[in-house]
Amino acid sequence: MLGDEESWTPSRTAQRQPTTECHDCGAAVDSAQHTLEVCPRCTVLCQGLTSVLGGDLSLPSIITTMLGDDESWKAMVSFCETVMSQKEADERVREEADDVASIRGRRMGASRRRYLMRLQ
C-alpha cells in the first residue's frame, strides 16, 4: 500500500477499477489519502483512528505514530482491513450488476456461469 515518501500506491482493488473516481463521493481520485482525510463514507472510522493516532493523518505522521507504539499499529491495521473489506464488497456488488463487464477479468465457478449467461 505504501509508495514513496509522499504518496500511497493504489490497492489491488483500485488497480482493477475502470476509473480513478471515488464510487462513494464522486471525488476525482480515490486514494488512501482521500479515504483518510476527505471521503464522507469513512468519517466515523477516521474519527476512531484519530482518537488513537492524533489529528494528523498525513503519511509521514501515520508512519511515525505507527512505529511508535503497538496500539497505533493495531488501530491502523484495523482501519485498513475494514476499509478494504468494504471496498471489495462494494466492488463485488458492482460486478454482479447486469450491465457491468467483469472488473477482475476472470470469474470462477457459478459467478462465471452467470456472467456468461448474461452475455448470450
Protein backbone atom coordinates (compact mmCIF):
# COMPACT_ATOMS: atom_id res chain seq x y z
CA MET A 1 0.00 0.00 0.00
CA LEU A 2 2.77 2.46 0.74
CA GLY A 3 4.58 4.10 -2.13
CA ASP A 4 7.26 6.72 -1.97
CA GLU A 5 7.57 9.19 0.88
CA GLU A 6 4.83 11.48 -0.44
CA SER A 7 2.15 9.12 -1.74
CA TRP A 8 0.21 5.92 -1.39
CA THR A 9 0.20 3.34 -4.14
CA PRO A 10 -3.17 2.12 -5.40
CA SER A 11 -4.50 -1.04 -3.82
CA ARG A 12 -5.29 -4.22 -5.73
CA THR A 13 -8.94 -3.18 -5.76
CA ALA A 14 -8.20 0.32 -7.04
CA GLN A 15 -5.98 -1.02 -9.83
CA ARG A 16 -8.89 -3.10 -11.21
CA GLN A 17 -11.28 -0.16 -11.38
CA PRO A 18 -12.10 1.33 -14.78
CA THR A 19 -11.90 4.81 -13.25
CA THR A 20 -9.93 6.56 -10.51
CA GLU A 21 -13.11 8.26 -9.28
CA CYS A 22 -14.36 7.56 -5.74
CA HIS A 23 -17.52 5.45 -6.00
CA ASP A 24 -18.74 6.82 -2.67
CA CYS A 25 -18.48 10.60 -3.03
CA GLY A 26 -17.55 11.21 -6.67
CA ALA A 27 -14.15 12.78 -5.98
CA ALA A 28 -11.83 12.67 -9.00
CA VAL A 29 -9.24 10.44 -7.29
CA ASP A 30 -9.94 7.67 -4.78
CA SER A 31 -6.60 7.39 -2.99
CA ALA A 32 -5.71 6.28 0.51
CA GLN A 33 -5.16 9.93 1.46
CA HIS A 34 -8.63 10.78 0.10
CA THR A 35 -10.12 8.00 2.23
CA LEU A 36 -8.31 9.20 5.33
CA GLU A 37 -8.96 12.92 5.02
CA VAL A 38 -11.90 13.62 2.72
CA CYS A 39 -14.31 10.79 1.91
CA PRO A 40 -17.53 11.11 3.92
CA ARG A 41 -18.04 7.34 3.91
CA CYS A 42 -15.07 6.84 6.25
CA THR A 43 -15.70 9.78 8.57
CA VAL A 44 -16.68 7.64 11.57
CA LEU A 45 -13.80 5.21 11.03
CA CYS A 46 -11.36 8.11 10.69
CA GLN A 47 -12.62 9.67 13.91
CA GLY A 48 -11.81 6.46 15.74
CA LEU A 49 -8.42 6.39 14.09
CA THR A 50 -7.60 9.99 15.03
CA SER A 51 -8.51 9.26 18.64
CA VAL A 52 -5.61 6.80 18.67
CA LEU A 53 -3.17 8.33 16.17
CA GLY A 54 -3.87 12.01 16.74
CA GLY A 55 -5.30 14.58 14.36
CA ASP A 56 -2.60 14.48 11.67
CA LEU A 57 -3.41 11.76 9.13
CA SER A 58 -0.61 12.62 6.70
CA LEU A 59 1.51 9.68 5.57
CA PRO A 60 4.71 10.71 7.44
CA SER A 61 2.75 11.28 10.65
CA ILE A 62 0.90 7.97 10.40
CA ILE A 63 4.12 6.03 9.83
CA THR A 64 5.89 7.74 12.72
CA THR A 65 2.96 7.12 15.05
CA MET A 66 2.50 3.50 13.94
CA LEU A 67 6.16 2.75 14.57
CA GLY A 68 5.95 4.44 17.95
CA ASP A 69 3.59 2.05 19.70
CA ASP A 70 1.66 -1.16 19.26
CA GLU A 71 -1.78 0.40 19.84
CA SER A 72 -1.30 2.81 16.92
CA TRP A 73 -0.08 0.00 14.68
CA LYS A 74 -3.12 -2.15 15.50
CA ALA A 75 -5.52 0.78 15.02
CA MET A 76 -4.16 1.49 11.53
CA VAL A 77 -4.19 -2.19 10.54
CA SER A 78 -7.80 -2.49 11.71
CA PHE A 79 -8.78 0.67 9.80
CA CYS A 80 -7.14 -0.59 6.59
CA GLU A 81 -8.73 -4.04 6.86
CA THR A 82 -12.18 -2.55 7.46
CA VAL A 83 -11.95 -0.07 4.59
CA MET A 84 -10.56 -2.63 2.14
CA SER A 85 -13.25 -5.16 3.10
CA GLN A 86 -15.94 -2.55 2.46
CA LYS A 87 -14.44 -1.51 -0.87
CA GLU A 88 -14.07 -5.12 -2.03
CA ALA A 89 -17.67 -5.91 -1.01
CA ASP A 90 -18.85 -2.86 -2.97
CA GLU A 91 -16.80 -3.99 -5.96
CA ARG A 92 -18.46 -7.41 -5.87
CA VAL A 93 -21.88 -5.73 -5.88
CA ARG A 94 -20.90 -3.62 -8.89
CA GLU A 95 -19.62 -6.74 -10.68
CA GLU A 96 -22.92 -8.52 -10.07
CA ALA A 97 -24.80 -5.76 -11.91
CA ASP A 98 -26.11 -7.00 -15.25
CA ASP A 99 -24.73 -4.09 -17.26
CA VAL A 100 -21.15 -4.18 -15.96
CA ALA A 101 -18.33 -6.18 -17.52
CA SER A 102 -16.00 -8.07 -15.23
CA ILE A 103 -13.54 -5.85 -13.39
CA ARG A 104 -11.45 -8.76 -12.20
CA GLY A 105 -11.06 -10.08 -15.72
CA ARG A 106 -11.60 -13.69 -14.74
CA ARG A 107 -14.62 -15.10 -12.99
CA MET A 108 -14.72 -18.54 -11.47
CA GLY A 109 -17.44 -21.11 -10.82
CA ALA A 110 -21.05 -20.02 -10.51
CA SER A 111 -20.14 -16.37 -10.95
CA ARG A 112 -18.53 -17.16 -14.31
CA ARG A 113 -21.54 -19.21 -15.46
CA ARG A 114 -23.96 -16.38 -14.54
CA TYR A 115 -21.77 -13.85 -16.31
CA LEU A 116 -21.52 -15.95 -19.48
CA MET A 117 -25.30 -16.48 -19.48
CA ARG A 118 -25.82 -12.71 -19.40
CA LEU A 119 -23.58 -12.29 -22.45
CA GLN A 120 -25.65 -14.65 -24.59
